PDB file of N, CA and C in Angstrom:
ATOM      1  N   MET A   1     132.148  48.545 116.466  1.00  0.00           N
ATOM      2  CA  MET A   1     133.349  48.199 115.802  1.00  0.00           C
ATOM      3  C   MET A   1     133.544  49.185 114.808  1.00  0.00           C
ATOM      4  N   LEU A   2     134.742  49.742 114.826  1.00  0.00           N
ATOM      5  CA  LEU A   2     135.193  50.831 113.771  1.00  0.00           C
ATOM      6  C   LEU A   2     135.255  50.227 112.419  1.00  0.00           C
ATOM      7  N   GLU A   3     135.013  50.986 111.511  1.00  0.00           N
ATOM      8  CA  GLU A   3     134.945  50.475 110.040  1.00  0.00           C
ATOM      9  C   GLU A   3     136.316  50.020 109.631  1.00  0.00           C
ATOM     10  N   GLU A   4     137.281  50.597 110.086  1.00  0.00           N
ATOM     11  CA  GLU A   4     138.707  50.082 109.622  1.00  0.00           C
ATOM     12  C   GLU A   4     138.948  48.697 110.163  1.00  0.00           C
ATOM     13  N   PHE A   5     138.437  48.114 111.038  1.00  0.00           N
ATOM     14  CA  PHE A   5     138.554  46.913 111.554  1.00  0.00           C
ATOM     15  C   PHE A   5     137.459  45.768 110.992  1.00  0.00           C
ATOM     16  N   ALA A   6     136.505  46.279 110.291  1.00  0.00           N
ATOM     17  CA  ALA A   6     135.373  45.389 109.911  1.00  0.00           C
ATOM     18  C   ALA A   6     135.877  44.101 109.249  1.00  0.00           C
ATOM     19  N   ALA A   7     136.673  44.273 108.327  1.00  0.00           N
ATOM     20  CA  ALA A   7     137.200  43.129 107.578  1.00  0.00           C
ATOM     21  C   ALA A   7     137.928  42.027 108.364  1.00  0.00           C
ATOM     22  N   ILE A   8     138.440  42.483 109.501  1.00  0.00           N
ATOM     23  CA  ILE A   8     139.149  41.587 110.291  1.00  0.00           C
ATOM     24  C   ILE A   8     138.630  41.417 111.828  1.00  0.00           C
ATOM     25  N   ARG A   9     137.273  41.566 111.818  1.00  0.00           N
ATOM     26  CA  ARG A   9     136.599  41.776 113.047  1.00  0.00           C
ATOM     27  C   ARG A   9     136.670  40.532 113.803  1.00  0.00           C
ATOM     28  N   ASP A  10     136.778  39.264 113.217  1.00  0.00           N
ATOM     29  CA  ASP A  10     136.731  38.099 113.960  1.00  0.00           C
ATOM     30  C   ASP A  10     138.179  37.601 114.432  1.00  0.00           C
ATOM     31  N   GLN A  11     139.073  38.336 114.047  1.00  0.00           N
ATOM     32  CA  GLN A  11     140.653  38.069 114.630  1.00  0.00           C
ATOM     33  C   GLN A  11     140.652  38.333 115.944  1.00  0.00           C
ATOM     34  N   PRO A  12     141.186  37.316 116.890  1.00  0.00           N
ATOM     35  CA  PRO A  12     141.506  37.403 118.201  1.00  0.00           C
ATOM     36  C   PRO A  12     142.062  38.769 118.466  1.00  0.00           C
ATOM     37  N   ALA A  13     142.979  39.201 117.667  1.00  0.00           N
ATOM     38  CA  ALA A  13     144.027  40.342 118.089  1.00  0.00           C
ATOM     39  C   ALA A  13     143.043  41.683 117.913  1.00  0.00           C
ATOM     40  N   VAL A  14     142.087  41.588 117.246  1.00  0.00           N
ATOM     41  CA  VAL A  14     141.128  42.837 117.072  1.00  0.00           C
ATOM     42  C   VAL A  14     140.247  42.820 118.459  1.00  0.00           C
ATOM     43  N   ALA A  15     139.736  41.880 118.638  1.00  0.00           N
ATOM     44  CA  ALA A  15     138.848  41.749 119.855  1.00  0.00           C
ATOM     45  C   ALA A  15     139.523  42.104 121.103  1.00  0.00           C
ATOM     46  N   ALA A  16     140.764  41.732 121.238  1.00  0.00           N
ATOM     47  CA  ALA A  16     141.701  42.054 122.337  1.00  0.00           C
ATOM     48  C   ALA A  16     141.960  43.455 122.538  1.00  0.00           C
ATOM     49  N   LEU A  17     141.519  44.389 121.470  1.00  0.00           N
ATOM     50  CA  LEU A  17     141.790  45.778 121.657  1.00  0.00           C
ATOM     51  C   LEU A  17     140.741  46.446 122.129  1.00  0.00           C
ATOM     52  N   ALA A  18     139.520  45.679 122.538  1.00  0.00           N
ATOM     53  CA  ALA A  18     138.279  46.547 123.040  1.00  0.00           C
ATOM     54  C   ALA A  18     138.778  47.083 124.461  1.00  0.00           C
ATOM     55  N   LEU A  19     138.362  48.317 124.625  1.00  0.00           N
ATOM     56  CA  LEU A  19     138.836  49.056 125.881  1.00  0.00           C
ATOM     57  C   LEU A  19     138.444  48.373 127.141  1.00  0.00           C
ATOM     58  N   THR A  20     137.363  47.594 127.086  1.00  0.00           N
ATOM     59  CA  THR A  20     136.860  46.795 128.478  1.00  0.00           C
ATOM     60  C   THR A  20     137.926  45.989 128.941  1.00  0.00           C
ATOM     61  N   HIS A  21     138.815  45.425 128.085  1.00  0.00           N
ATOM     62  CA  HIS A  21     139.901  44.571 128.392  1.00  0.00           C
ATOM     63  C   HIS A  21     140.969  45.318 129.184  1.00  0.00           C
ATOM     64  N   PHE A  22     141.022  46.535 129.289  1.00  0.00           N
ATOM     65  CA  PHE A  22     141.933  47.480 129.905  1.00  0.00           C
ATOM     66  C   PHE A  22     141.444  48.070 131.202  1.00  0.00           C
ATOM     67  N   SER A  23     140.259  47.657 131.591  1.00  0.00           N
ATOM     68  CA  SER A  23     139.603  48.292 132.823  1.00  0.00           C
ATOM     69  C   SER A  23     140.379  47.972 133.932  1.00  0.00           C
ATOM     70  N   GLU A  24     140.738  46.832 134.119  1.00  0.00           N
ATOM     71  CA  GLU A  24     141.722  46.755 135.387  1.00  0.00           C
ATOM     72  C   GLU A  24     142.810  47.566 135.602  1.00  0.00           C
ATOM     73  N   ARG A  25     143.671  47.973 134.531  1.00  0.00           N
ATOM     74  CA  ARG A  25     144.760  48.741 134.404  1.00  0.00           C
ATOM     75  C   ARG A  25     144.463  50.235 134.575  1.00  0.00           C
ATOM     76  N   LEU A  26     143.268  50.652 134.025  1.00  0.00           N
ATOM     77  CA  LEU A  26     142.882  51.872 134.106  1.00  0.00           C
ATOM     78  C   LEU A  26     142.158  52.416 135.355  1.00  0.00           C
ATOM     79  N   ALA A  27     141.459  51.558 136.093  1.00  0.00           N
ATOM     80  CA  ALA A  27     140.759  51.717 137.115  1.00  0.00           C
ATOM     81  C   ALA A  27     141.817  52.466 138.408  1.00  0.00           C
ATOM     82  N   GLU A  28     141.021  53.337 138.964  1.00  0.00           N
ATOM     83  CA  GLU A  28     141.800  54.149 139.989  1.00  0.00           C
ATOM     84  C   GLU A  28     142.755  55.088 139.377  1.00  0.00           C
ATOM     85  N   ARG A  29     142.892  55.255 138.017  1.00  0.00           N
ATOM     86  CA  ARG A  29     143.769  56.263 137.440  1.00  0.00           C
ATOM     87  C   ARG A  29     142.844  57.396 137.135  1.00  0.00           C
ATOM     88  N   ALA A  30     143.693  58.486 136.581  1.00  0.00           N
ATOM     89  CA  ALA A  30     143.008  59.573 136.089  1.00  0.00           C
ATOM     90  C   ALA A  30     142.741  59.351 134.674  1.00  0.00           C
ATOM     91  N   VAL A  31     141.400  59.264 134.265  1.00  0.00           N
ATOM     92  CA  VAL A  31     140.835  58.955 132.913  1.00  0.00           C
ATOM     93  C   VAL A  31     139.680  59.836 132.785  1.00  0.00           C
ATOM     94  N   TRP A  32     139.776  60.488 131.512  1.00  0.00           N
ATOM     95  CA  TRP A  32     138.608  61.354 131.152  1.00  0.00           C
ATOM     96  C   TRP A  32     138.094  60.831 129.777  1.00  0.00           C
ATOM     97  N   VAL A  33     136.748  60.457 129.822  1.00  0.00           N
ATOM     98  CA  VAL A  33     136.200  59.845 128.563  1.00  0.00           C
ATOM     99  C   VAL A  33     135.189  60.831 128.055  1.00  0.00           C
ATOM    100  N   GLY A  34     134.918  61.090 126.863  1.00  0.00           N
ATOM    101  CA  GLY A  34     133.793  61.882 126.479  1.00  0.00           C
ATOM    102  C   GLY A  34     133.206  61.249 125.221  1.00  0.00           C
ATOM    103  N   ILE A  35     131.792  61.280 125.012  1.00  0.00           N
ATOM    104  CA  ILE A  35     131.381  60.774 123.886  1.00  0.00           C
ATOM    105  C   ILE A  35     130.058  61.514 123.553  1.00  0.00           C
ATOM    106  N   GLY A  36     129.700  61.690 122.250  1.00  0.00           N
ATOM    107  CA  GLY A  36     128.509  62.241 122.004  1.00  0.00           C
ATOM    108  C   GLY A  36     127.371  61.232 122.121  1.00  0.00           C
ATOM    109  N   ASN A  37     126.074  61.692 122.545  1.00  0.00           N
ATOM    110  CA  ASN A  37     124.872  60.899 122.814  1.00  0.00           C
ATOM    111  C   ASN A  37     124.429  60.177 121.498  1.00  0.00           C
ATOM    112  N   ARG A  38     124.830  60.425 120.354  1.00  0.00           N
ATOM    113  CA  ARG A  38     124.477  59.815 119.240  1.00  0.00           C
ATOM    114  C   ARG A  38     125.713  59.609 118.366  1.00  0.00           C
ATOM    115  N   ASP A  39     126.709  58.828 118.854  1.00  0.00           N
ATOM    116  CA  ASP A  39     128.040  58.702 118.116  1.00  0.00           C
ATOM    117  C   ASP A  39     127.864  57.224 117.656  1.00  0.00           C
ATOM    118  N   GLY A  40     127.619  57.491 116.132  1.00  0.00           N
ATOM    119  CA  GLY A  40     127.639  56.206 115.397  1.00  0.00           C
ATOM    120  C   GLY A  40     128.774  55.355 114.995  1.00  0.00           C
ATOM    121  N   ARG A  41     129.822  56.164 115.236  1.00  0.00           N
ATOM    122  CA  ARG A  41     131.130  55.746 114.748  1.00  0.00           C
ATOM    123  C   ARG A  41     131.811  54.796 115.948  1.00  0.00           C
ATOM    124  N   VAL A  42     131.924  55.357 116.905  1.00  0.00           N
ATOM    125  CA  VAL A  42     132.552  54.632 118.200  1.00  0.00           C
ATOM    126  C   VAL A  42     131.409  53.745 118.774  1.00  0.00           C
ATOM    127  N   GLY A  43     130.321  54.471 118.904  1.00  0.00           N
ATOM    128  CA  GLY A  43     129.165  53.973 119.616  1.00  0.00           C
ATOM    129  C   GLY A  43     129.037  54.402 121.064  1.00  0.00           C
ATOM    130  N   THR A  44     127.917  55.306 121.252  1.00  0.00           N
ATOM    131  CA  THR A  44     127.785  55.754 122.575  1.00  0.00           C
ATOM    132  C   THR A  44     127.568  54.418 123.641  1.00  0.00           C
ATOM    133  N   GLU A  45     126.847  53.497 123.123  1.00  0.00           N
ATOM    134  CA  GLU A  45     126.576  52.219 124.119  1.00  0.00           C
ATOM    135  C   GLU A  45     127.958  51.590 124.370  1.00  0.00           C
ATOM    136  N   SER A  46     128.784  51.445 123.472  1.00  0.00           N
ATOM    137  CA  SER A  46     130.008  50.647 123.852  1.00  0.00           C
ATOM    138  C   SER A  46     130.999  51.646 124.783  1.00  0.00           C
ATOM    139  N   CYS A  47     130.857  52.838 124.504  1.00  0.00           N
ATOM    140  CA  CYS A  47     131.576  53.775 125.393  1.00  0.00           C
ATOM    141  C   CYS A  47     131.006  53.700 126.970  1.00  0.00           C
ATOM    142  N   LEU A  48     129.784  53.584 127.019  1.00  0.00           N
ATOM    143  CA  LEU A  48     129.152  53.554 128.344  1.00  0.00           C
ATOM    144  C   LEU A  48     129.519  52.083 128.999  1.00  0.00           C
ATOM    145  N   ARG A  49     129.435  51.048 128.072  1.00  0.00           N
ATOM    146  CA  ARG A  49     129.866  49.788 128.714  1.00  0.00           C
ATOM    147  C   ARG A  49     131.242  49.826 129.251  1.00  0.00           C
ATOM    148  N   PHE A  50     132.175  50.472 128.519  1.00  0.00           N
ATOM    149  CA  PHE A  50     133.469  50.646 129.088  1.00  0.00           C
ATOM    150  C   PHE A  50     133.629  51.364 130.445  1.00  0.00           C
ATOM    151  N   ALA A  51     132.795  52.572 130.516  1.00  0.00           N
ATOM    152  CA  ALA A  51     132.736  53.224 131.613  1.00  0.00           C
ATOM    153  C   ALA A  51     132.179  52.353 132.825  1.00  0.00           C
ATOM    154  N   GLN A  52     131.234  51.620 132.561  1.00  0.00           N
ATOM    155  CA  GLN A  52     130.636  50.843 133.508  1.00  0.00           C
ATOM    156  C   GLN A  52     131.679  49.745 134.001  1.00  0.00           C
ATOM    157  N   THR A  53     132.569  49.217 133.253  1.00  0.00           N
ATOM    158  CA  THR A  53     133.669  48.219 133.625  1.00  0.00           C
ATOM    159  C   THR A  53     134.562  48.795 134.536  1.00  0.00           C
ATOM    160  N   ILE A  54     134.875  50.271 134.279  1.00  0.00           N
ATOM    161  CA  ILE A  54     135.840  50.730 135.019  1.00  0.00           C
ATOM    162  C   ILE A  54     135.285  50.951 136.471  1.00  0.00           C
ATOM    163  N   ALA A  55     133.932  51.555 136.556  1.00  0.00           N
ATOM    164  CA  ALA A  55     133.295  51.679 137.675  1.00  0.00           C
ATOM    165  C   ALA A  55     133.127  50.378 138.574  1.00  0.00           C
ATOM    166  N   ASP A  56     132.834  49.248 137.816  1.00  0.00           N
ATOM    167  CA  ASP A  56     132.677  47.859 138.408  1.00  0.00           C
ATOM    168  C   ASP A  56     134.011  47.501 139.139  1.00  0.00           C
ATOM    169  N   VAL A  57     135.126  47.765 138.485  1.00  0.00           N
ATOM    170  CA  VAL A  57     136.449  47.399 138.978  1.00  0.00           C
ATOM    171  C   VAL A  57     136.746  48.190 140.139  1.00  0.00           C
ATOM    172  N   GLU A  58     136.333  49.461 140.191  1.00  0.00           N
ATOM    173  CA  GLU A  58     136.871  50.422 141.138  1.00  0.00           C
ATOM    174  C   GLU A  58     135.918  49.997 142.387  1.00  0.00           C
ATOM    175  N   ALA A  59     134.649  49.666 142.138  1.00  0.00           N
ATOM    176  CA  ALA A  59     133.726  49.208 143.464  1.00  0.00           C
ATOM    177  C   ALA A  59     134.269  48.040 143.801  1.00  0.00           C
ATOM    178  N   ALA A  60     134.717  47.023 143.023  1.00  0.00           N
ATOM    179  CA  ALA A  60     135.175  45.566 143.590  1.00  0.00           C
ATOM    180  C   ALA A  60     136.547  45.943 144.404  1.00  0.00           C
ATOM    181  N   ARG A  61     137.242  46.889 144.185  1.00  0.00           N
ATOM    182  CA  ARG A  61     138.324  47.285 144.944  1.00  0.00           C
ATOM    183  C   ARG A  61     138.180  48.159 146.145  1.00  0.00           C
ATOM    184  N   GLY A  62     136.914  48.639 146.324  1.00  0.00           N
ATOM    185  CA  GLY A  62     136.649  49.494 147.374  1.00  0.00           C
ATOM    186  C   GLY A  62     137.275  50.924 147.203  1.00  0.00           C
ATOM    187  N   CYS A  63     137.282  51.231 145.926  1.00  0.00           N
ATOM    188  CA  CYS A  63     137.850  52.598 145.592  1.00  0.00           C
ATOM    189  C   CYS A  63     136.937  53.800 146.087  1.00  0.00           C
ATOM    190  N   ALA A  64     137.561  54.705 147.044  1.00  0.00           N
ATOM    191  CA  ALA A  64     136.601  55.596 147.838  1.00  0.00           C
ATOM    192  C   ALA A  64     136.563  56.975 147.031  1.00  0.00           C
ATOM    193  N   ALA A  65     137.552  57.229 146.087  1.00  0.00           N
ATOM    194  CA  ALA A  65     137.563  58.404 145.417  1.00  0.00           C
ATOM    195  C   ALA A  65     138.067  58.279 143.992  1.00  0.00           C
ATOM    196  N   SER A  66     137.005  57.990 143.158  1.00  0.00           N
ATOM    197  CA  SER A  66     137.427  57.726 141.670  1.00  0.00           C
ATOM    198  C   SER A  66     137.909  58.827 140.926  1.00  0.00           C
ATOM    199  N   ARG A  67     138.919  58.782 140.154  1.00  0.00           N
ATOM    200  CA  ARG A  67     139.345  59.865 139.291  1.00  0.00           C
ATOM    201  C   ARG A  67     138.796  59.841 137.822  1.00  0.00           C
ATOM    202  N   PHE A  68     137.980  58.737 137.544  1.00  0.00           N
ATOM    203  CA  PHE A  68     137.492  58.430 136.217  1.00  0.00           C
ATOM    204  C   PHE A  68     136.150  59.379 135.958  1.00  0.00           C
ATOM    205  N   GLU A  69     136.347  60.092 134.816  1.00  0.00           N
ATOM    206  CA  GLU A  69     135.281  60.687 134.518  1.00  0.00           C
ATOM    207  C   GLU A  69     134.478  60.237 132.913  1.00  0.00           C
ATOM    208  N   CYS A  70     133.340  60.277 132.923  1.00  0.00           N
ATOM    209  CA  CYS A  70     132.724  59.849 131.629  1.00  0.00           C
ATOM    210  C   CYS A  70     131.606  60.907 131.464  1.00  0.00           C
ATOM    211  N   HIS A  71     131.706  61.577 130.151  1.00  0.00           N
ATOM    212  CA  HIS A  71     130.817  62.588 129.830  1.00  0.00           C
ATOM    213  C   HIS A  71     129.916  62.124 128.446  1.00  0.00           C
ATOM    214  N   VAL A  72     128.668  61.950 128.572  1.00  0.00           N
ATOM    215  CA  VAL A  72     127.936  61.957 127.441  1.00  0.00           C
ATOM    216  C   VAL A  72     127.305  63.120 127.170  1.00  0.00           C
ATOM    217  N   VAL A  73     127.616  63.764 125.945  1.00  0.00           N
ATOM    218  CA  VAL A  73     127.168  65.091 125.689  1.00  0.00           C
ATOM    219  C   VAL A  73     126.268  65.106 124.428  1.00  0.00           C
ATOM    220  N   PRO A  74     125.643  66.287 124.535  1.00  0.00           N
ATOM    221  CA  PRO A  74     124.504  66.416 123.369  1.00  0.00           C
ATOM    222  C   PRO A  74     125.291  66.843 122.038  1.00  0.00           C
ATOM    223  N   GLU A  75     125.989  65.841 121.602  1.00  0.00           N
ATOM    224  CA  GLU A  75     126.687  66.232 120.217  1.00  0.00           C
ATOM    225  C   GLU A  75     126.242  65.075 119.191  1.00  0.00           C
ATOM    226  N   ASP A  76     125.879  65.620 117.852  1.00  0.00           N
ATOM    227  CA  ASP A  76     125.580  64.567 116.885  1.00  0.00           C
ATOM    228  C   ASP A  76     126.996  64.075 116.241  1.00  0.00           C
ATOM    229  N   GLY A  77     126.803  62.702 115.814  1.00  0.00           N
ATOM    230  CA  GLY A  77     128.108  62.111 115.160  1.00  0.00           C
ATOM    231  C   GLY A  77     129.284  62.020 116.046  1.00  0.00           C
ATOM    232  N   HIS A  78     130.334  62.033 115.423  1.00  0.00           N
ATOM    233  CA  HIS A  78     131.679  61.642 115.940  1.00  0.00           C
ATOM    234  C   HIS A  78     132.647  62.896 116.181  1.00  0.00           C
ATOM    235  N   HIS A  79     132.194  63.842 116.875  1.00  0.00           N
ATOM    236  CA  HIS A  79     132.963  64.998 117.087  1.00  0.00           C
ATOM    237  C   HIS A  79     132.501  65.727 118.484  1.00  0.00           C
ATOM    238  N   PHE A  80     133.338  66.718 118.844  1.00  0.00           N
ATOM    239  CA  PHE A  80     133.168  67.475 120.103  1.00  0.00           C
ATOM    240  C   PHE A  80     133.156  68.887 119.781  1.00  0.00           C
ATOM    241  N   SER A  81     132.363  69.798 120.306  1.00  0.00           N
ATOM    242  CA  SER A  81     132.524  71.172 120.040  1.00  0.00           C
ATOM    243  C   SER A  81     133.530  71.460 121.008  1.00  0.00           C
ATOM    244  N   ASP A  82     134.097  72.763 120.857  1.00  0.00           N
ATOM    245  CA  ASP A  82     135.206  73.388 121.727  1.00  0.00           C
ATOM    246  C   ASP A  82     135.127  73.386 123.168  1.00  0.00           C
ATOM    247  N   PRO A  83     133.846  73.612 123.680  1.00  0.00           N
ATOM    248  CA  PRO A  83     133.928  73.503 125.128  1.00  0.00           C
ATOM    249  C   PRO A  83     134.130  72.104 125.858  1.00  0.00           C
ATOM    250  N   TRP A  84     133.752  71.100 124.999  1.00  0.00           N
ATOM    251  CA  TRP A  84     134.282  69.754 125.411  1.00  0.00           C
ATOM    252  C   TRP A  84     135.749  69.341 125.390  1.00  0.00           C
ATOM    253  N   HIS A  85     136.408  69.921 124.345  1.00  0.00           N
ATOM    254  CA  HIS A  85     137.858  69.708 124.200  1.00  0.00           C
ATOM    255  C   HIS A  85     138.494  70.526 125.248  1.00  0.00           C
ATOM    256  N   GLU A  86     137.996  71.622 125.494  1.00  0.00           N
ATOM    257  CA  GLU A  86     138.573  72.621 126.658  1.00  0.00           C
ATOM    258  C   GLU A  86     138.277  71.907 128.032  1.00  0.00           C
ATOM    259  N   ALA A  87     137.193  71.198 128.317  1.00  0.00           N
ATOM    260  CA  ALA A  87     136.861  70.646 129.506  1.00  0.00           C
ATOM    261  C   ALA A  87     137.933  69.282 129.694  1.00  0.00           C
ATOM    262  N   GLY A  88     138.227  68.559 128.681  1.00  0.00           N
ATOM    263  CA  GLY A  88     139.097  67.480 128.735  1.00  0.00           C
ATOM    264  C   GLY A  88     140.638  68.030 129.050  1.00  0.00           C
ATOM    265  N   GLY A  89     140.852  69.230 128.336  1.00  0.00           N
ATOM    266  CA  GLY A  89     142.103  69.824 128.707  1.00  0.00           C
ATOM    267  C   GLY A  89     142.273  70.211 130.290  1.00  0.00           C
ATOM    268  N   ARG A  90     141.308  70.928 130.785  1.00  0.00           N
ATOM    269  CA  ARG A  90     141.156  71.374 132.033  1.00  0.00           C
ATOM    270  C   ARG A  90     141.457  69.996 132.956  1.00  0.00           C
ATOM    271  N   TYR A  91     140.683  69.086 132.650  1.00  0.00           N
ATOM    272  CA  TYR A  91     140.889  67.716 133.513  1.00  0.00           C
ATOM    273  C   TYR A  91     142.344  67.285 133.494  1.00  0.00           C
ATOM    274  N   LEU A  92     142.892  67.400 132.421  1.00  0.00           N
ATOM    275  CA  LEU A  92     144.205  66.879 132.242  1.00  0.00           C
ATOM    276  C   LEU A  92     145.263  67.742 133.138  1.00  0.00           C
ATOM    277  N   LEU A  93     144.893  69.023 132.891  1.00  0.00           N
ATOM    278  CA  LEU A  93     145.951  69.892 133.574  1.00  0.00           C
ATOM    279  C   LEU A  93     145.699  69.797 135.165  1.00  0.00           C
ATOM    280  N   ALA A  94     144.459  69.450 135.602  1.00  0.00           N
ATOM    281  CA  ALA A  94     144.234  69.479 137.012  1.00  0.00           C
ATOM    282  C   ALA A  94     144.906  68.058 137.461  1.00  0.00           C
ATOM    283  N   MET A  95     144.691  66.978 136.736  1.00  0.00           N
ATOM    284  CA  MET A  95     145.404  65.737 137.273  1.00  0.00           C
ATOM    285  C   MET A  95     146.827  65.814 137.227  1.00  0.00           C
ATOM    286  N   ALA A  96     147.432  66.578 136.220  1.00  0.00           N
ATOM    287  CA  ALA A  96     148.831  66.619 136.190  1.00  0.00           C
ATOM    288  C   ALA A  96     149.462  67.388 137.398  1.00  0.00           C
ATOM    289  N   SER A  97     148.609  68.216 137.971  1.00  0.00           N
ATOM    290  CA  SER A  97     149.294  68.936 139.083  1.00  0.00           C
ATOM    291  C   SER A  97     148.869  68.222 140.393  1.00  0.00           C
ATOM    292  N   THR A  98     148.312  66.975 140.450  1.00  0.00           N
ATOM    293  CA  THR A  98     148.090  66.353 141.650  1.00  0.00           C
ATOM    294  C   THR A  98     149.153  65.290 141.940  1.00  0.00           C
TER     295      THR A  98
END
């Protein structure tokens, strides 16, 4: 839970914002997710849970070729170094041309 939502975390509207609730709509679409292996702000574990829900939906649908990518990278905290920003950009450009 992001600190900005801590005071209102029990409100249903906040819980509804969890990315796992969007897995059905995001499955089989071009999605690139990256997170540091020790991200205490967003939470590496919650990001991986989101990635797993996408994989589960795609598997249930029989998706043969996923366009979902999840990268867990060796970065401390809540930031990416330039190579990971560039990798995300390359992915977006590649998906835009398909």
